[in-house]
């Protein structure tokens, strides 16, 4: 009887510990050198409000959720730009954002990529992107459902990748 009780207590402990989580909803565990919750909030606020992307009005679109695989693709690209001293959507080896997302294990459809350099905060980079018609249009892609954003480990190279699960 004592053996059964100890067994049940052990199983109960595993269940309780296994259910405990201090991870914020919609934000993964990958370290991306920025405040993930903040950038997600800023992106989704812009999407909710709608935007003028140059001379094109963009209606309100649904919120995005965080995806660690897209964030990994973004981080890899940001670090690659810093380490190899370039600033482009296409890597020196010819790899584009879609291939980088696939290489990071993303199984959805990559929809767009924004890059930036020199910004010191999430607010500043979002302001820059929203003031650029092409970057703004990417942020406002209506059928995108997921996002990953990262800043390089060194320097201030930012990458945002949007996708559809």
C-alpha atoms as a PDB file:
ATOM      1  CA  UNK A   1       0.000   0.000   0.000  1.00  0.00           C
ATOM      2  CA  UNK A   2       2.853   2.351   0.877  1.00  0.00           C
ATOM      3  CA  UNK A   3       4.508   1.591  -2.463  1.00  0.00           C
ATOM      4  CA  UNK A   4       1.307   2.504  -4.377  1.00  0.00           C
ATOM      5  CA  UNK A   5       0.935   5.747  -2.410  1.00  0.00           C
ATOM      6  CA  UNK A   6       4.552   6.745  -3.156  1.00  0.00           C
ATOM      7  CA  UNK A   7       4.041   5.890  -6.816  1.00  0.00           C
ATOM      8  CA  UNK A   8       0.898   8.057  -7.007  1.00  0.00           C
ATOM      9  CA  UNK A   9       2.633  10.944  -5.211  1.00  0.00           C
ATOM     10  CA  UNK A  10       5.542  10.754  -7.649  1.00  0.00           C
ATOM     11  CA  UNK A  11       3.220  10.745 -10.664  1.00  0.00           C
ATOM     12  CA  UNK A  12       1.236  13.681  -9.219  1.00  0.00           C
ATOM     13  CA  UNK A  13       4.437  15.652  -8.694  1.00  0.00           C
ATOM     14  CA  UNK A  14       5.500  15.104 -12.319  1.00  0.00           C
ATOM     15  CA  UNK A  15       2.103  16.265 -13.536  1.00  0.00           C
ATOM     16  CA  UNK A  16       2.152  19.406 -11.372  1.00  0.00           C
ATOM     17  CA  UNK A  17       5.732  20.345 -12.291  1.00  0.00           C
ATOM     18  CA  UNK A  18       5.133  19.571 -15.962  1.00  0.00           C
ATOM     19  CA  UNK A  19       2.160  21.942 -16.095  1.00  0.00           C
ATOM     20  CA  UNK A  20       3.994  24.881 -14.520  1.00  0.00           C
ATOM     21  CA  UNK A  21       5.164  27.472 -17.036  1.00  0.00           C
ATOM     22  CA  UNK A  22       6.456  31.001 -16.704  1.00  0.00           C
ATOM     23  CA  UNK A  23       6.696  31.593 -20.472  1.00  0.00           C
ATOM     24  CA  UNK A  24       4.549  34.448 -21.750  1.00  0.00           C
ATOM     25  CA  UNK A  25       1.846  33.422 -24.206  1.00  0.00           C
ATOM     26  CA  UNK A  26       2.626  34.060 -27.894  1.00  0.00           C
ATOM     27  CA  UNK A  27       6.340  34.558 -27.193  1.00  0.00           C
ATOM     28  CA  UNK A  28       8.852  31.750 -27.698  1.00  0.00           C
ATOM     29  CA  UNK A  29      12.032  30.860 -25.832  1.00  0.00           C
ATOM     30  CA  UNK A  30      14.619  31.726 -28.508  1.00  0.00           C
ATOM     31  CA  UNK A  31      16.920  34.610 -27.458  1.00  0.00           C
ATOM     32  CA  UNK A  32      16.689  37.245 -30.188  1.00  0.00           C
ATOM     33  CA  UNK A  33      18.362  40.274 -28.536  1.00  0.00           C
ATOM     34  CA  UNK A  34      15.189  42.331 -28.267  1.00  0.00           C
ATOM     35  CA  UNK A  35      11.964  42.580 -26.280  1.00  0.00           C
ATOM     36  CA  UNK A  36       9.795  40.057 -28.143  1.00  0.00           C
ATOM     37  CA  UNK A  37       6.587  41.031 -26.392  1.00  0.00           C
ATOM     38  CA  UNK A  38       7.213  44.715 -27.183  1.00  0.00           C
ATOM     39  CA  UNK A  39       7.938  44.238 -30.890  1.00  0.00           C
ATOM     40  CA  UNK A  40       4.930  41.912 -31.233  1.00  0.00           C
ATOM     41  CA  UNK A  41       2.744  44.508 -29.498  1.00  0.00           C
ATOM     42  CA  UNK A  42       3.997  47.295 -31.794  1.00  0.00           C
ATOM     43  CA  UNK A  43       3.500  45.227 -34.948  1.00  0.00           C
ATOM     44  CA  UNK A  44       0.007  44.128 -33.936  1.00  0.00           C
ATOM     45  CA  UNK A  45      -0.965  47.666 -32.916  1.00  0.00           C
ATOM     46  CA  UNK A  46       0.042  48.909 -36.383  1.00  0.00           C
ATOM     47  CA  UNK A  47      -1.868  46.058 -38.024  1.00  0.00           C
ATOM     48  CA  UNK A  48      -4.963  46.759 -35.906  1.00  0.00           C
ATOM     49  CA  UNK A  49      -4.906  50.511 -36.653  1.00  0.00           C
ATOM     50  CA  UNK A  50      -4.298  50.176 -40.378  1.00  0.00           C
ATOM     51  CA  UNK A  51      -1.670  52.329 -42.068  1.00  0.00           C
ATOM     52  CA  UNK A  52      -0.752  54.644 -44.909  1.00  0.00           C
ATOM     53  CA  UNK A  53       2.088  52.860 -46.678  1.00  0.00           C
ATOM     54  CA  UNK A  54       3.305  55.679 -48.898  1.00  0.00           C
ATOM     55  CA  UNK A  55       0.233  56.625 -50.935  1.00  0.00           C
ATOM     56  CA  UNK A  56      -1.468  53.266 -50.332  1.00  0.00           C
ATOM     57  CA  UNK A  57      -4.025  52.993 -47.521  1.00  0.00           C
ATOM     58  CA  UNK A  58      -3.939  49.630 -45.758  1.00  0.00           C
ATOM     59  CA  UNK A  59      -6.980  48.489 -43.797  1.00  0.00           C
ATOM     60  CA  UNK A  60      -6.801  46.866 -40.382  1.00  0.00           C
ATOM     61  CA  UNK A  61      -5.610  43.248 -40.543  1.00  0.00           C
ATOM     62  CA  UNK A  62      -5.534  40.415 -37.972  1.00  0.00           C
ATOM     63  CA  UNK A  63      -2.863  40.183 -35.297  1.00  0.00           C
ATOM     64  CA  UNK A  64       0.194  37.988 -35.783  1.00  0.00           C
ATOM     65  CA  UNK A  65       1.511  35.383 -33.374  1.00  0.00           C
ATOM     66  CA  UNK A  66       5.177  34.803 -32.558  1.00  0.00           C
ATOM     67  CA  UNK A  67       7.011  31.944 -34.256  1.00  0.00           C
ATOM     68  CA  UNK A  68      10.448  30.877 -32.978  1.00  0.00           C
ATOM     69  CA  UNK A  69      11.433  29.316 -36.304  1.00  0.00           C
ATOM     70  CA  UNK A  70      10.819  32.584 -38.141  1.00  0.00           C
ATOM     71  CA  UNK A  71      12.708  34.347 -35.337  1.00  0.00           C
ATOM     72  CA  UNK A  72      15.629  31.939 -35.833  1.00  0.00           C
ATOM     73  CA  UNK A  73      15.678  32.743 -39.553  1.00  0.00           C
ATOM     74  CA  UNK A  74      15.636  36.453 -38.638  1.00  0.00           C
ATOM     75  CA  UNK A  75      18.439  36.058 -36.081  1.00  0.00           C
ATOM     76  CA  UNK A  76      20.592  34.034 -38.458  1.00  0.00           C
ATOM     77  CA  UNK A  77      20.187  36.701 -41.159  1.00  0.00           C
ATOM     78  CA  UNK A  78      20.880  39.606 -38.788  1.00  0.00           C
ATOM     79  CA  UNK A  79      24.050  37.914 -37.529  1.00  0.00           C
ATOM     80  CA  UNK A  80      25.108  36.986 -41.070  1.00  0.00           C
ATOM     81  CA  UNK A  81      24.761  40.604 -42.221  1.00  0.00           C
ATOM     82  CA  UNK A  82      26.884  41.777 -39.276  1.00  0.00           C
ATOM     83  CA  UNK A  83      29.516  39.040 -39.562  1.00  0.00           C
ATOM     84  CA  UNK A  84      29.904  39.377 -43.352  1.00  0.00           C
ATOM     85  CA  UNK A  85      29.538  43.167 -43.542  1.00  0.00           C
ATOM     86  CA  UNK A  86      26.591  43.481 -45.929  1.00  0.00           C
ATOM     87  CA  UNK A  87      23.041  44.830 -45.820  1.00  0.00           C
ATOM     88  CA  UNK A  88      20.670  43.035 -48.172  1.00  0.00           C
ATOM     89  CA  UNK A  89      17.706  40.687 -48.318  1.00  0.00           C
ATOM     90  CA  UNK A  90      19.887  38.283 -50.290  1.00  0.00           C
ATOM     91  CA  UNK A  91      22.871  36.686 -48.545  1.00  0.00           C
ATOM     92  CA  UNK A  92      26.249  36.682 -50.336  1.00  0.00           C
ATOM     93  CA  UNK A  93      25.671  32.988 -51.132  1.00  0.00           C
ATOM     94  CA  UNK A  94      22.367  33.854 -52.855  1.00  0.00           C
ATOM     95  CA  UNK A  95      20.041  32.670 -50.061  1.00  0.00           C
ATOM     96  CA  UNK A  96      16.769  34.617 -49.776  1.00  0.00           C
ATOM     97  CA  UNK A  97      14.356  34.988 -46.849  1.00  0.00           C
ATOM     98  CA  UNK A  98      12.161  32.096 -47.979  1.00  0.00           C
ATOM     99  CA  UNK A  99      15.092  29.667 -48.047  1.00  0.00           C
ATOM    100  CA  UNK A 100      16.370  30.968 -44.682  1.00  0.00           C
ATOM    101  CA  UNK A 101      12.939  30.314 -43.135  1.00  0.00           C
ATOM    102  CA  UNK A 102      12.902  26.785 -44.561  1.00  0.00           C
ATOM    103  CA  UNK A 103      16.459  26.203 -43.309  1.00  0.00           C
ATOM    104  CA  UNK A 104      15.320  27.280 -39.819  1.00  0.00           C
ATOM    105  CA  UNK A 105      12.637  24.567 -39.890  1.00  0.00           C
ATOM    106  CA  UNK A 106       9.640  26.769 -40.719  1.00  0.00           C
ATOM    107  CA  UNK A 107       6.952  24.623 -42.336  1.00  0.00           C
ATOM    108  CA  UNK A 108       4.540  27.405 -43.266  1.00  0.00           C
ATOM    109  CA  UNK A 109       4.736  29.805 -46.198  1.00  0.00           C
ATOM    110  CA  UNK A 110       7.203  32.686 -45.779  1.00  0.00           C
ATOM    111  CA  UNK A 111       5.437  35.901 -46.844  1.00  0.00           C
ATOM    112  CA  UNK A 112       7.905  38.770 -46.476  1.00  0.00           C
ATOM    113  CA  UNK A 113      11.007  40.150 -44.807  1.00  0.00           C
ATOM    114  CA  UNK A 114      12.029  43.542 -43.462  1.00  0.00           C
ATOM    115  CA  UNK A 115      15.599  44.468 -42.571  1.00  0.00           C
ATOM    116  CA  UNK A 116      16.996  47.556 -40.857  1.00  0.00           C
ATOM    117  CA  UNK A 117      20.291  48.803 -39.503  1.00  0.00           C
ATOM    118  CA  UNK A 118      21.297  51.273 -36.807  1.00  0.00           C
ATOM    119  CA  UNK A 119      18.095  51.513 -34.781  1.00  0.00           C
ATOM    120  CA  UNK A 120      18.511  51.370 -31.009  1.00  0.00           C
ATOM    121  CA  UNK A 121      15.033  50.247 -29.909  1.00  0.00           C
ATOM    122  CA  UNK A 122      11.940  48.337 -30.937  1.00  0.00           C
ATOM    123  CA  UNK A 123       9.982  51.603 -31.161  1.00  0.00           C
ATOM    124  CA  UNK A 124      12.599  53.236 -33.399  1.00  0.00           C
ATOM    125  CA  UNK A 125      12.874  50.324 -35.835  1.00  0.00           C
ATOM    126  CA  UNK A 126       9.081  50.030 -36.085  1.00  0.00           C
ATOM    127  CA  UNK A 127       8.793  53.766 -36.787  1.00  0.00           C
ATOM    128  CA  UNK A 128      11.408  53.392 -39.526  1.00  0.00           C
ATOM    129  CA  UNK A 129       9.651  50.413 -41.066  1.00  0.00           C
ATOM    130  CA  UNK A 130       6.210  52.036 -40.923  1.00  0.00           C
ATOM    131  CA  UNK A 131       7.602  55.195 -42.593  1.00  0.00           C
ATOM    132  CA  UNK A 132       8.978  53.130 -45.495  1.00  0.00           C
ATOM    133  CA  UNK A 133       6.223  52.177 -47.991  1.00  0.00           C
ATOM    134  CA  UNK A 134       7.649  48.746 -48.858  1.00  0.00           C
ATOM    135  CA  UNK A 135       8.393  47.770 -45.262  1.00  0.00           C
ATOM    136  CA  UNK A 136       4.997  49.069 -44.157  1.00  0.00           C
ATOM    137  CA  UNK A 137       3.261  46.977 -46.836  1.00  0.00           C
ATOM    138  CA  UNK A 138       5.079  43.872 -45.580  1.00  0.00           C
ATOM    139  CA  UNK A 139       3.937  44.526 -42.006  1.00  0.00           C
ATOM    140  CA  UNK A 140       0.382  44.942 -43.300  1.00  0.00           C
ATOM    141  CA  UNK A 141       0.289  41.685 -45.334  1.00  0.00           C
ATOM    142  CA  UNK A 142      -3.266  40.600 -44.565  1.00  0.00           C
ATOM    143  CA  UNK A 143      -2.884  36.842 -44.902  1.00  0.00           C
ATOM    144  CA  UNK A 144       0.287  36.598 -42.790  1.00  0.00           C
ATOM    145  CA  UNK A 145      -0.384  34.847 -39.472  1.00  0.00           C
ATOM    146  CA  UNK A 146       3.051  34.587 -37.822  1.00  0.00           C
ATOM    147  CA  UNK A 147       6.149  36.658 -37.243  1.00  0.00           C
ATOM    148  CA  UNK A 148       9.703  36.375 -35.994  1.00  0.00           C
ATOM    149  CA  UNK A 149      11.964  39.360 -35.364  1.00  0.00           C
ATOM    150  CA  UNK A 150      15.567  39.505 -34.202  1.00  0.00           C
ATOM    151  CA  UNK A 151      18.493  41.857 -33.750  1.00  0.00           C
ATOM    152  CA  UNK A 152      22.091  40.761 -34.349  1.00  0.00           C
ATOM    153  CA  UNK A 153      24.208  39.652 -31.381  1.00  0.00           C
ATOM    154  CA  UNK A 154      26.550  42.565 -32.167  1.00  0.00           C
ATOM    155  CA  UNK A 155      25.748  45.737 -34.050  1.00  0.00           C
ATOM    156  CA  UNK A 156      22.202  46.817 -34.761  1.00  0.00           C
ATOM    157  CA  UNK A 157      21.084  44.659 -37.683  1.00  0.00           C
ATOM    158  CA  UNK A 158      17.359  43.923 -37.448  1.00  0.00           C
ATOM    159  CA  UNK A 159      15.361  41.349 -39.413  1.00  0.00           C
ATOM    160  CA  UNK A 160      11.605  40.651 -39.415  1.00  0.00           C
ATOM    161  CA  UNK A 161      10.174  37.612 -41.192  1.00  0.00           C
ATOM    162  CA  UNK A 162       6.430  37.155 -41.730  1.00  0.00           C
ATOM    163  CA  UNK A 163       4.784  33.876 -42.627  1.00  0.00           C
ATOM    164  CA  UNK A 164       1.525  31.996 -42.907  1.00  0.00           C
ATOM    165  CA  UNK A 165       1.107  28.721 -41.040  1.00  0.00           C
END
